[in-house]
N, C-alpha and C. Protein backbone atom coordinates (compact mmCIF):
# COMPACT_ATOMS: atom_id res chain seq x y z
N MET A 1 80.44 218.34 -101.81
CA MET A 1 81.55 219.23 -102.14
C MET A 1 81.31 220.61 -101.54
N ILE A 2 82.34 221.13 -100.87
CA ILE A 2 82.24 222.48 -100.30
C ILE A 2 83.08 223.42 -101.16
N LEU A 3 82.47 224.52 -101.59
CA LEU A 3 83.16 225.51 -102.42
C LEU A 3 83.23 226.82 -101.64
N GLU A 4 84.43 227.26 -101.34
CA GLU A 4 84.59 228.53 -100.62
C GLU A 4 84.49 229.69 -101.60
N ILE A 5 83.65 230.67 -101.23
CA ILE A 5 83.49 231.88 -102.06
C ILE A 5 83.65 233.10 -101.16
N ASN A 6 84.34 234.10 -101.65
CA ASN A 6 84.56 235.32 -100.88
C ASN A 6 83.22 236.04 -100.65
N PRO A 7 82.81 236.23 -99.37
CA PRO A 7 81.48 236.80 -99.12
C PRO A 7 81.35 238.27 -99.50
N GLN A 8 82.47 239.01 -99.52
CA GLN A 8 82.39 240.43 -99.92
C GLN A 8 82.50 240.60 -101.43
N HIS A 9 83.39 239.81 -102.02
CA HIS A 9 83.65 239.94 -103.48
C HIS A 9 83.61 238.54 -104.10
N PRO A 10 82.39 238.04 -104.33
CA PRO A 10 82.28 236.68 -104.89
C PRO A 10 83.00 236.55 -106.23
N GLU A 11 83.83 235.51 -106.36
CA GLU A 11 84.58 235.31 -107.60
C GLU A 11 83.63 234.87 -108.72
N PRO A 12 83.58 235.62 -109.84
CA PRO A 12 82.64 235.32 -110.92
C PRO A 12 82.74 233.87 -111.43
N ARG A 13 83.97 233.34 -111.50
CA ARG A 13 84.15 231.97 -112.01
C ARG A 13 83.44 230.96 -111.10
N LYS A 14 83.56 231.19 -109.79
CA LYS A 14 82.92 230.28 -108.83
C LYS A 14 81.40 230.44 -108.83
N ILE A 15 80.94 231.68 -108.98
CA ILE A 15 79.48 231.92 -109.05
C ILE A 15 78.90 231.22 -110.27
N LYS A 16 79.64 231.26 -111.37
CA LYS A 16 79.17 230.58 -112.59
C LYS A 16 79.09 229.06 -112.35
N GLN A 17 80.06 228.54 -111.64
CA GLN A 17 80.08 227.10 -111.30
C GLN A 17 78.80 226.73 -110.52
N VAL A 18 78.43 227.58 -109.55
CA VAL A 18 77.22 227.33 -108.73
C VAL A 18 75.97 227.40 -109.62
N ALA A 19 75.90 228.46 -110.45
CA ALA A 19 74.72 228.65 -111.32
C ALA A 19 74.57 227.49 -112.29
N ASP A 20 75.69 226.96 -112.79
CA ASP A 20 75.64 225.82 -113.72
C ASP A 20 75.03 224.59 -113.04
N ILE A 21 75.39 224.38 -111.77
CA ILE A 21 74.83 223.24 -111.02
C ILE A 21 73.32 223.43 -110.85
N LEU A 22 72.89 224.64 -110.51
CA LEU A 22 71.45 224.93 -110.35
C LEU A 22 70.72 224.73 -111.67
N ALA A 23 71.33 225.20 -112.76
CA ALA A 23 70.69 225.10 -114.09
C ALA A 23 70.48 223.65 -114.50
N LYS A 24 71.31 222.76 -113.96
CA LYS A 24 71.17 221.33 -114.29
C LYS A 24 70.26 220.61 -113.30
N GLY A 25 69.55 221.37 -112.45
CA GLY A 25 68.62 220.74 -111.51
C GLY A 25 69.25 220.40 -110.17
N GLY A 26 70.43 220.97 -109.90
CA GLY A 26 71.12 220.67 -108.64
C GLY A 26 70.51 221.40 -107.44
N ILE A 27 70.83 220.87 -106.26
CA ILE A 27 70.38 221.48 -104.99
C ILE A 27 71.62 221.91 -104.23
N ILE A 28 71.60 223.14 -103.73
CA ILE A 28 72.78 223.70 -103.07
C ILE A 28 72.43 224.22 -101.67
N ALA A 29 73.47 224.38 -100.85
CA ALA A 29 73.35 225.15 -99.60
C ALA A 29 74.19 226.41 -99.82
N TYR A 30 73.71 227.54 -99.32
CA TYR A 30 74.40 228.80 -99.59
C TYR A 30 74.12 229.80 -98.46
N PRO A 31 75.03 230.79 -98.27
CA PRO A 31 74.85 231.75 -97.19
C PRO A 31 73.86 232.86 -97.55
N THR A 32 73.12 233.35 -96.56
CA THR A 32 72.27 234.53 -96.74
C THR A 32 72.56 235.48 -95.57
N ASP A 33 71.78 236.55 -95.47
CA ASP A 33 71.98 237.50 -94.37
C ASP A 33 71.24 237.06 -93.11
N THR A 34 70.70 235.83 -93.11
CA THR A 34 70.04 235.30 -91.91
C THR A 34 70.70 233.96 -91.56
N TYR A 35 70.28 232.89 -92.24
CA TYR A 35 70.86 231.56 -92.04
C TYR A 35 71.50 231.09 -93.34
N TYR A 36 72.13 229.92 -93.26
CA TYR A 36 72.47 229.22 -94.51
C TYR A 36 71.16 228.68 -95.07
N GLY A 37 71.00 228.81 -96.38
CA GLY A 37 69.77 228.36 -97.03
C GLY A 37 70.02 227.13 -97.88
N ILE A 38 68.93 226.41 -98.16
CA ILE A 38 68.96 225.30 -99.12
C ILE A 38 68.15 225.79 -100.32
N GLY A 39 68.65 225.58 -101.53
CA GLY A 39 67.91 226.11 -102.67
C GLY A 39 68.13 225.37 -103.97
N CYS A 40 67.29 225.73 -104.94
CA CYS A 40 67.39 225.21 -106.30
C CYS A 40 66.76 226.25 -107.22
N ASP A 41 66.80 225.98 -108.51
CA ASP A 41 66.18 226.86 -109.50
C ASP A 41 64.66 226.85 -109.31
N LEU A 42 64.07 228.04 -109.27
CA LEU A 42 62.61 228.18 -109.09
C LEU A 42 61.82 227.39 -110.13
N PHE A 43 62.40 227.19 -111.30
CA PHE A 43 61.65 226.55 -112.38
C PHE A 43 61.95 225.05 -112.53
N ASN A 44 62.64 224.48 -111.54
CA ASN A 44 62.90 223.04 -111.63
C ASN A 44 62.03 222.30 -110.61
N LYS A 45 60.90 221.80 -111.11
CA LYS A 45 59.90 221.18 -110.23
C LYS A 45 60.46 219.96 -109.50
N GLN A 46 61.25 219.16 -110.20
CA GLN A 46 61.82 217.96 -109.57
C GLN A 46 62.73 218.32 -108.41
N ALA A 47 63.55 219.35 -108.62
CA ALA A 47 64.47 219.78 -107.56
C ALA A 47 63.67 220.33 -106.37
N ILE A 48 62.60 221.08 -106.65
CA ILE A 48 61.76 221.62 -105.57
C ILE A 48 61.15 220.46 -104.77
N GLU A 49 60.67 219.45 -105.48
CA GLU A 49 60.06 218.30 -104.79
C GLU A 49 61.08 217.58 -103.91
N LYS A 50 62.33 217.53 -104.39
CA LYS A 50 63.39 216.91 -103.58
C LYS A 50 63.62 217.70 -102.29
N ILE A 51 63.55 219.03 -102.39
CA ILE A 51 63.75 219.85 -101.19
C ILE A 51 62.59 219.66 -100.21
N TYR A 52 61.36 219.52 -100.72
CA TYR A 52 60.23 219.21 -99.83
C TYR A 52 60.50 217.91 -99.06
N GLN A 53 61.01 216.91 -99.77
CA GLN A 53 61.31 215.63 -99.11
C GLN A 53 62.43 215.79 -98.09
N LEU A 54 63.45 216.52 -98.49
CA LEU A 54 64.60 216.75 -97.61
C LEU A 54 64.18 217.45 -96.32
N LYS A 55 63.30 218.43 -96.45
CA LYS A 55 62.84 219.20 -95.29
C LYS A 55 61.68 218.52 -94.55
N ARG A 56 61.16 217.44 -95.17
CA ARG A 56 59.96 216.76 -94.63
C ARG A 56 58.84 217.77 -94.41
N ARG A 57 58.59 218.53 -95.44
CA ARG A 57 57.64 219.63 -95.35
C ARG A 57 56.46 219.39 -96.28
N SER A 58 55.28 219.80 -95.84
CA SER A 58 54.08 219.63 -96.66
C SER A 58 54.12 220.57 -97.87
N PRO A 59 53.73 220.06 -99.05
CA PRO A 59 53.67 220.93 -100.24
C PRO A 59 52.67 222.08 -100.07
N HIS A 60 51.84 222.00 -99.03
CA HIS A 60 50.90 223.11 -98.79
C HIS A 60 51.58 224.29 -98.09
N GLN A 61 52.86 224.14 -97.79
CA GLN A 61 53.63 225.24 -97.19
C GLN A 61 54.75 225.61 -98.15
N PRO A 62 54.46 226.41 -99.16
CA PRO A 62 55.50 226.71 -100.16
C PRO A 62 56.71 227.43 -99.56
N PHE A 63 57.85 227.24 -100.20
CA PHE A 63 59.07 227.94 -99.79
C PHE A 63 59.06 229.36 -100.34
N SER A 64 59.83 230.22 -99.70
CA SER A 64 60.05 231.54 -100.30
C SER A 64 61.17 231.41 -101.34
N PHE A 65 61.40 232.47 -102.09
CA PHE A 65 62.50 232.43 -103.06
C PHE A 65 63.19 233.79 -103.12
N ILE A 66 64.42 233.75 -103.63
CA ILE A 66 65.27 234.94 -103.66
C ILE A 66 65.26 235.57 -105.04
N CYS A 67 64.98 236.86 -105.07
CA CYS A 67 65.12 237.66 -106.30
C CYS A 67 66.36 238.53 -106.15
N SER A 68 66.86 239.04 -107.28
CA SER A 68 68.11 239.80 -107.21
C SER A 68 67.90 241.27 -106.85
N ASP A 69 66.70 241.80 -107.15
CA ASP A 69 66.43 243.22 -106.84
C ASP A 69 64.93 243.49 -107.01
N LEU A 70 64.54 244.75 -106.81
CA LEU A 70 63.12 245.11 -106.89
C LEU A 70 62.53 244.88 -108.28
N LYS A 71 63.31 245.18 -109.30
CA LYS A 71 62.81 245.00 -110.67
C LYS A 71 62.51 243.51 -110.91
N ASN A 72 63.39 242.67 -110.40
CA ASN A 72 63.22 241.22 -110.50
C ASN A 72 61.96 240.77 -109.76
N ILE A 73 61.70 241.35 -108.58
CA ILE A 73 60.50 241.00 -107.81
C ILE A 73 59.25 241.27 -108.63
N SER A 74 59.22 242.40 -109.34
CA SER A 74 57.99 242.79 -110.06
C SER A 74 57.64 241.82 -111.20
N GLU A 75 58.60 240.96 -111.59
CA GLU A 75 58.28 239.93 -112.60
C GLU A 75 57.51 238.77 -111.96
N TYR A 76 57.73 238.55 -110.67
CA TYR A 76 57.18 237.35 -110.02
C TYR A 76 56.05 237.65 -109.03
N ALA A 77 55.76 238.92 -108.83
CA ALA A 77 54.69 239.28 -107.88
C ALA A 77 54.00 240.56 -108.32
N GLN A 78 52.76 240.72 -107.84
CA GLN A 78 52.03 241.98 -108.08
C GLN A 78 52.57 243.01 -107.09
N VAL A 79 53.24 244.02 -107.60
CA VAL A 79 53.84 245.02 -106.72
C VAL A 79 53.11 246.34 -106.87
N THR A 80 52.36 246.71 -105.84
CA THR A 80 51.64 248.00 -105.86
C THR A 80 52.64 249.11 -105.54
N ASN A 81 52.19 250.36 -105.72
CA ASN A 81 53.07 251.49 -105.38
C ASN A 81 53.49 251.43 -103.91
N TYR A 82 52.52 251.08 -103.05
CA TYR A 82 52.82 251.01 -101.62
C TYR A 82 53.88 249.92 -101.36
N ALA A 83 53.68 248.74 -101.97
CA ALA A 83 54.63 247.64 -101.76
C ALA A 83 56.01 248.02 -102.29
N TYR A 84 56.04 248.69 -103.44
CA TYR A 84 57.32 249.08 -104.03
C TYR A 84 58.07 250.03 -103.10
N LYS A 85 57.36 251.06 -102.63
CA LYS A 85 58.02 252.04 -101.74
C LYS A 85 58.51 251.38 -100.46
N THR A 86 57.70 250.49 -99.91
CA THR A 86 58.06 249.81 -98.66
C THR A 86 59.31 248.96 -98.87
N MET A 87 59.30 248.17 -99.93
CA MET A 87 60.44 247.26 -100.16
C MET A 87 61.69 248.05 -100.54
N LYS A 88 61.50 249.16 -101.24
CA LYS A 88 62.65 249.97 -101.64
C LYS A 88 63.42 250.47 -100.41
N ARG A 89 62.66 250.77 -99.34
CA ARG A 89 63.29 251.26 -98.12
C ARG A 89 64.06 250.16 -97.39
N LEU A 90 63.59 248.91 -97.52
CA LEU A 90 64.09 247.85 -96.63
C LEU A 90 64.96 246.79 -97.31
N LEU A 91 64.97 246.78 -98.63
CA LEU A 91 65.74 245.74 -99.32
C LEU A 91 66.96 246.34 -100.03
N PRO A 92 68.06 245.58 -100.18
CA PRO A 92 68.23 244.24 -99.63
C PRO A 92 68.29 244.24 -98.10
N GLY A 93 67.77 243.18 -97.51
CA GLY A 93 67.78 243.09 -96.05
C GLY A 93 67.10 241.83 -95.57
N PRO A 94 67.08 241.60 -94.24
CA PRO A 94 66.58 240.34 -93.68
C PRO A 94 65.06 240.28 -93.55
N TYR A 95 64.38 240.43 -94.69
CA TYR A 95 62.92 240.42 -94.72
C TYR A 95 62.43 239.39 -95.73
N THR A 96 61.28 238.79 -95.45
CA THR A 96 60.55 238.00 -96.45
C THR A 96 59.22 238.70 -96.63
N PHE A 97 58.93 239.14 -97.85
CA PHE A 97 57.66 239.83 -98.11
C PHE A 97 56.69 238.88 -98.79
N ILE A 98 55.46 238.83 -98.25
CA ILE A 98 54.42 238.01 -98.84
C ILE A 98 53.60 238.90 -99.78
N LEU A 99 53.56 238.49 -101.05
CA LEU A 99 52.89 239.27 -102.09
C LEU A 99 52.05 238.31 -102.94
N GLU A 100 51.17 238.90 -103.73
CA GLU A 100 50.40 238.07 -104.66
C GLU A 100 51.31 237.67 -105.82
N GLY A 101 51.37 236.35 -106.10
CA GLY A 101 52.27 235.86 -107.14
C GLY A 101 51.80 236.21 -108.54
N SER A 102 52.75 236.33 -109.46
CA SER A 102 52.40 236.58 -110.86
C SER A 102 52.27 235.23 -111.59
N ARG A 103 51.89 235.29 -112.86
CA ARG A 103 51.69 234.06 -113.63
C ARG A 103 52.99 233.30 -113.88
N LEU A 104 54.11 234.00 -113.71
CA LEU A 104 55.40 233.34 -113.95
C LEU A 104 55.73 232.32 -112.87
N VAL A 105 55.14 232.46 -111.68
CA VAL A 105 55.50 231.61 -110.55
C VAL A 105 54.88 230.22 -110.72
N PRO A 106 55.70 229.16 -110.64
CA PRO A 106 55.14 227.80 -110.75
C PRO A 106 54.11 227.55 -109.66
N ARG A 107 53.09 226.78 -110.00
CA ARG A 107 51.98 226.54 -109.06
C ARG A 107 52.47 225.94 -107.74
N ILE A 108 53.48 225.10 -107.80
CA ILE A 108 54.00 224.44 -106.60
C ILE A 108 54.53 225.46 -105.57
N MET A 109 54.80 226.69 -106.05
CA MET A 109 55.36 227.72 -105.16
C MET A 109 54.32 228.69 -104.63
N LEU A 110 53.06 228.49 -104.99
CA LEU A 110 52.00 229.42 -104.56
C LEU A 110 51.22 228.84 -103.38
N THR A 111 50.80 229.70 -102.47
CA THR A 111 49.89 229.25 -101.42
C THR A 111 48.49 229.13 -102.03
N LYS A 112 47.54 228.64 -101.23
CA LYS A 112 46.16 228.53 -101.72
C LYS A 112 45.64 229.89 -102.17
N ARG A 113 46.13 230.92 -101.52
CA ARG A 113 45.66 232.28 -101.87
C ARG A 113 46.49 232.91 -102.98
N LYS A 114 47.30 232.09 -103.64
CA LYS A 114 48.14 232.55 -104.76
C LYS A 114 49.19 233.57 -104.32
N ALA A 115 49.63 233.44 -103.07
CA ALA A 115 50.66 234.35 -102.56
C ALA A 115 52.03 233.69 -102.62
N VAL A 116 53.07 234.53 -102.61
CA VAL A 116 54.45 234.03 -102.60
C VAL A 116 55.24 234.78 -101.53
N GLY A 117 56.31 234.13 -101.07
CA GLY A 117 57.24 234.80 -100.15
C GLY A 117 58.51 235.11 -100.90
N ILE A 118 58.91 236.39 -100.89
CA ILE A 118 60.07 236.80 -101.69
C ILE A 118 61.11 237.47 -100.81
N ARG A 119 62.39 237.13 -101.06
CA ARG A 119 63.49 237.72 -100.32
C ARG A 119 64.48 238.37 -101.27
N VAL A 120 65.12 239.47 -100.82
CA VAL A 120 66.32 240.01 -101.48
C VAL A 120 67.33 240.19 -100.34
N PRO A 121 68.07 239.13 -100.01
CA PRO A 121 68.97 239.20 -98.86
C PRO A 121 70.12 240.16 -99.09
N ASP A 122 70.61 240.74 -98.01
CA ASP A 122 71.76 241.63 -98.09
C ASP A 122 73.02 240.77 -98.01
N HIS A 123 73.23 239.97 -99.03
CA HIS A 123 74.40 239.10 -99.06
C HIS A 123 74.87 238.93 -100.50
N PRO A 124 76.09 239.39 -100.80
CA PRO A 124 76.56 239.40 -102.20
C PRO A 124 76.55 238.04 -102.87
N ILE A 125 76.81 236.96 -102.12
CA ILE A 125 76.91 235.65 -102.78
C ILE A 125 75.57 235.21 -103.37
N CYS A 126 74.50 235.24 -102.54
CA CYS A 126 73.24 234.71 -103.09
C CYS A 126 72.69 235.62 -104.18
N LEU A 127 72.90 236.93 -104.07
CA LEU A 127 72.42 237.82 -105.14
C LEU A 127 73.19 237.57 -106.44
N ALA A 128 74.48 237.32 -106.32
CA ALA A 128 75.30 237.03 -107.52
C ALA A 128 74.85 235.72 -108.18
N ILE A 129 74.49 234.73 -107.35
CA ILE A 129 74.04 233.43 -107.90
C ILE A 129 72.74 233.62 -108.69
N VAL A 130 71.79 234.38 -108.11
CA VAL A 130 70.50 234.60 -108.78
C VAL A 130 70.71 235.35 -110.11
N ARG A 131 71.57 236.35 -110.09
CA ARG A 131 71.83 237.11 -111.33
C ARG A 131 72.45 236.21 -112.40
N GLU A 132 73.41 235.42 -112.00
CA GLU A 132 74.10 234.54 -112.96
C GLU A 132 73.16 233.48 -113.52
N LEU A 133 72.31 232.92 -112.65
CA LEU A 133 71.36 231.88 -113.09
C LEU A 133 70.28 232.48 -113.99
N GLY A 134 69.88 233.73 -113.67
CA GLY A 134 68.82 234.37 -114.46
C GLY A 134 67.42 234.06 -113.97
N HIS A 135 67.31 233.27 -112.89
CA HIS A 135 66.00 232.94 -112.28
C HIS A 135 66.12 233.07 -110.77
N PRO A 136 65.00 233.26 -110.09
CA PRO A 136 65.04 233.20 -108.63
C PRO A 136 65.47 231.82 -108.14
N VAL A 137 65.97 231.80 -106.91
CA VAL A 137 66.42 230.56 -106.27
C VAL A 137 65.58 230.32 -105.02
N ILE A 138 65.11 229.09 -104.85
CA ILE A 138 64.34 228.72 -103.66
C ILE A 138 65.18 229.00 -102.41
N SER A 139 64.51 229.42 -101.34
CA SER A 139 65.21 229.71 -100.10
C SER A 139 64.47 229.10 -98.91
N THR A 140 65.12 228.15 -98.25
CA THR A 140 64.58 227.59 -97.01
C THR A 140 65.77 227.31 -96.11
N SER A 141 65.62 227.53 -94.81
CA SER A 141 66.78 227.41 -93.93
C SER A 141 67.30 225.97 -93.89
N ALA A 142 68.63 225.85 -93.76
CA ALA A 142 69.26 224.53 -93.66
C ALA A 142 69.03 224.00 -92.24
N THR A 143 68.20 222.97 -92.14
CA THR A 143 67.88 222.42 -90.82
C THR A 143 68.07 220.91 -90.82
N ASP A 144 68.23 220.36 -89.62
CA ASP A 144 68.30 218.91 -89.46
C ASP A 144 66.87 218.36 -89.55
N PRO A 145 66.59 217.49 -90.53
CA PRO A 145 65.21 216.99 -90.69
C PRO A 145 64.71 216.21 -89.47
N GLU A 146 65.65 215.68 -88.67
CA GLU A 146 65.26 214.88 -87.50
C GLU A 146 64.65 215.74 -86.40
N ASP A 147 65.32 216.86 -86.09
CA ASP A 147 64.88 217.65 -84.92
C ASP A 147 64.62 219.13 -85.22
N GLY A 148 64.76 219.52 -86.52
CA GLY A 148 64.48 220.91 -86.88
C GLY A 148 65.57 221.90 -86.49
N ARG A 149 66.69 221.38 -85.95
CA ARG A 149 67.78 222.25 -85.50
C ARG A 149 68.41 222.97 -86.70
N ILE A 150 68.69 224.27 -86.51
CA ILE A 150 69.35 225.04 -87.58
C ILE A 150 70.80 224.57 -87.71
N LEU A 151 71.22 224.32 -88.95
CA LEU A 151 72.61 223.95 -89.22
C LEU A 151 73.38 225.22 -89.54
N GLU A 152 74.35 225.54 -88.70
CA GLU A 152 74.93 226.90 -88.75
C GLU A 152 76.17 227.04 -89.61
N THR A 153 76.86 225.93 -89.90
CA THR A 153 78.11 226.05 -90.67
C THR A 153 78.07 225.09 -91.86
N PRO A 154 78.87 225.38 -92.89
CA PRO A 154 78.93 224.48 -94.04
C PRO A 154 79.31 223.04 -93.66
N HIS A 155 80.19 222.88 -92.65
CA HIS A 155 80.60 221.52 -92.27
C HIS A 155 79.48 220.78 -91.57
N GLU A 156 78.71 221.50 -90.76
CA GLU A 156 77.53 220.90 -90.12
C GLU A 156 76.52 220.47 -91.20
N ILE A 157 76.33 221.35 -92.19
CA ILE A 157 75.39 221.05 -93.29
C ILE A 157 75.86 219.79 -94.03
N ARG A 158 77.17 219.73 -94.28
CA ARG A 158 77.70 218.56 -95.00
C ARG A 158 77.45 217.27 -94.20
N ASP A 159 77.70 217.34 -92.87
CA ASP A 159 77.56 216.14 -92.03
C ASP A 159 76.12 215.63 -92.01
N VAL A 160 75.15 216.57 -92.02
CA VAL A 160 73.74 216.16 -91.88
C VAL A 160 73.05 215.97 -93.23
N LEU A 161 73.31 216.88 -94.17
CA LEU A 161 72.54 216.89 -95.43
C LEU A 161 73.38 216.60 -96.67
N GLY A 162 74.68 216.43 -96.46
CA GLY A 162 75.60 216.30 -97.60
C GLY A 162 75.16 215.32 -98.67
N HIS A 163 74.57 214.18 -98.24
CA HIS A 163 74.16 213.14 -99.19
C HIS A 163 73.05 213.63 -100.13
N SER A 164 72.33 214.69 -99.74
CA SER A 164 71.19 215.16 -100.55
C SER A 164 71.53 216.41 -101.37
N LEU A 165 72.74 216.96 -101.19
CA LEU A 165 73.08 218.23 -101.84
C LEU A 165 74.14 218.01 -102.93
N ASP A 166 74.08 218.85 -103.95
CA ASP A 166 75.08 218.78 -105.02
C ASP A 166 76.27 219.68 -104.74
N LEU A 167 76.05 220.71 -103.90
CA LEU A 167 77.14 221.65 -103.60
C LEU A 167 76.80 222.42 -102.33
N ILE A 168 77.82 222.69 -101.52
CA ILE A 168 77.66 223.56 -100.35
C ILE A 168 78.59 224.76 -100.57
N VAL A 169 78.01 225.96 -100.59
CA VAL A 169 78.80 227.18 -100.76
C VAL A 169 79.20 227.68 -99.37
N ASP A 170 80.50 227.77 -99.14
CA ASP A 170 81.01 228.28 -97.86
C ASP A 170 81.32 229.76 -98.02
N GLY A 171 80.46 230.60 -97.41
CA GLY A 171 80.70 232.04 -97.46
C GLY A 171 81.03 232.59 -96.09
N GLY A 172 81.54 231.70 -95.20
CA GLY A 172 81.90 232.15 -93.85
C GLY A 172 80.68 232.23 -92.94
N PRO A 173 80.85 232.83 -91.75
CA PRO A 173 79.76 232.89 -90.77
C PRO A 173 78.61 233.76 -91.25
N VAL A 174 77.39 233.42 -90.82
CA VAL A 174 76.19 234.24 -91.11
C VAL A 174 75.53 234.59 -89.78
N PRO A 175 74.63 235.61 -89.76
CA PRO A 175 74.08 236.09 -88.48
C PRO A 175 73.33 235.05 -87.65
N GLY A 176 72.63 234.11 -88.30
CA GLY A 176 71.97 233.07 -87.53
C GLY A 176 70.67 233.50 -86.86
N ARG A 177 69.99 234.49 -87.45
CA ARG A 177 68.64 234.85 -86.98
C ARG A 177 67.71 234.84 -88.17
N PRO A 178 66.43 234.47 -87.99
CA PRO A 178 65.53 234.39 -89.14
C PRO A 178 65.17 235.77 -89.70
N SER A 179 64.62 235.77 -90.90
CA SER A 179 64.12 237.02 -91.48
C SER A 179 62.80 237.40 -90.81
N SER A 180 62.47 238.68 -90.86
CA SER A 180 61.12 239.11 -90.48
C SER A 180 60.20 238.86 -91.67
N VAL A 181 59.02 238.32 -91.40
CA VAL A 181 58.08 238.01 -92.49
C VAL A 181 56.92 239.00 -92.44
N ILE A 182 56.74 239.73 -93.54
CA ILE A 182 55.72 240.78 -93.60
C ILE A 182 54.80 240.53 -94.79
N SER A 183 53.51 240.44 -94.53
CA SER A 183 52.55 240.35 -95.63
C SER A 183 52.19 241.75 -96.10
N LEU A 184 52.27 241.96 -97.41
CA LEU A 184 51.86 243.25 -97.99
C LEU A 184 50.63 243.07 -98.88
N ILE A 185 49.94 241.94 -98.72
CA ILE A 185 48.76 241.66 -99.55
C ILE A 185 47.72 242.76 -99.33
N GLU A 186 47.17 243.25 -100.45
CA GLU A 186 46.14 244.31 -100.44
C GLU A 186 46.59 245.55 -99.68
N ASP A 187 47.90 245.80 -99.69
CA ASP A 187 48.46 246.99 -99.03
C ASP A 187 48.09 247.09 -97.55
N ALA A 188 47.82 245.92 -96.94
CA ALA A 188 47.50 245.91 -95.50
C ALA A 188 48.65 245.19 -94.80
N PRO A 189 49.71 245.92 -94.39
CA PRO A 189 50.89 245.26 -93.84
C PRO A 189 50.57 244.49 -92.56
N GLU A 190 51.09 243.27 -92.50
CA GLU A 190 50.89 242.44 -91.32
C GLU A 190 52.19 241.72 -91.01
N VAL A 191 52.67 241.86 -89.78
CA VAL A 191 53.91 241.19 -89.37
C VAL A 191 53.56 239.75 -88.99
N LEU A 192 54.04 238.79 -89.80
CA LEU A 192 53.74 237.38 -89.55
C LEU A 192 54.82 236.73 -88.68
N ARG A 193 56.03 237.28 -88.74
CA ARG A 193 57.10 236.79 -87.87
C ARG A 193 58.09 237.92 -87.66
N GLU A 194 58.46 238.15 -86.41
CA GLU A 194 59.45 239.18 -86.12
C GLU A 194 60.81 238.51 -86.04
N GLY A 195 61.73 238.94 -86.90
CA GLY A 195 63.08 238.35 -86.92
C GLY A 195 64.12 239.46 -86.93
N SER A 196 65.16 239.26 -87.76
CA SER A 196 66.26 240.23 -87.80
C SER A 196 65.84 241.62 -88.27
N GLY A 197 64.96 241.66 -89.26
CA GLY A 197 64.58 242.97 -89.82
C GLY A 197 63.69 243.76 -88.87
N ASP A 198 63.96 245.04 -88.74
CA ASP A 198 63.16 245.92 -87.87
C ASP A 198 61.73 246.03 -88.41
N VAL A 199 60.74 245.74 -87.57
CA VAL A 199 59.35 245.76 -88.03
C VAL A 199 58.56 246.94 -87.45
N GLU A 200 59.27 247.85 -86.80
CA GLU A 200 58.58 248.95 -86.11
C GLU A 200 57.68 249.76 -87.03
N ILE A 201 58.13 249.97 -88.28
CA ILE A 201 57.33 250.82 -89.18
C ILE A 201 55.98 250.19 -89.50
N PHE A 202 55.86 248.88 -89.28
CA PHE A 202 54.57 248.21 -89.56
C PHE A 202 53.68 248.13 -88.34
N GLN A 203 54.16 248.61 -87.21
CA GLN A 203 53.41 248.45 -85.98
C GLN A 203 52.87 249.77 -85.42
N THR A 204 52.99 250.84 -86.21
CA THR A 204 52.51 252.13 -85.70
C THR A 204 51.03 252.28 -86.03
């Protein structure tokens, strides 16, 4: 099922519909400020395992997840003053920050070093979904499991992954470039992937 939602002013009734599906363990595709993402409730282990299967990805490579704002991030990660100031300047935006996870984060979402990848995308739909659900939402790009190709539109996602998803949120076109991935572990910034977000401040 494809549900169209206004990308500038998401309709609360439709956002509630999406959050209800997630709360019941559903898996959705949704727009972000980079690609369309595939996600589920951070606290639903079965749904997370289904996404690992769908992506054909090793559980040793945890997914990142979306928080609604900086205050929300501090519940799920250790945020130092330096990390807070850095993220405050750049979020919401096309960045994934690697931080030390807090005790709230399910083990399946932590790397061996107990780190997590967290996003606050500059996109009203996904932020509204996270707020309505009350928990972070897993975020991994919608790709074709056969060849790793990025699926760019809701109809493409339906054709390739529709059988595995409970809902596809159509929020119109998205930029189609990955996020920049920055590790802030121990206040030693490291650019792990250069994407849409400007990384110049970390390279001086």
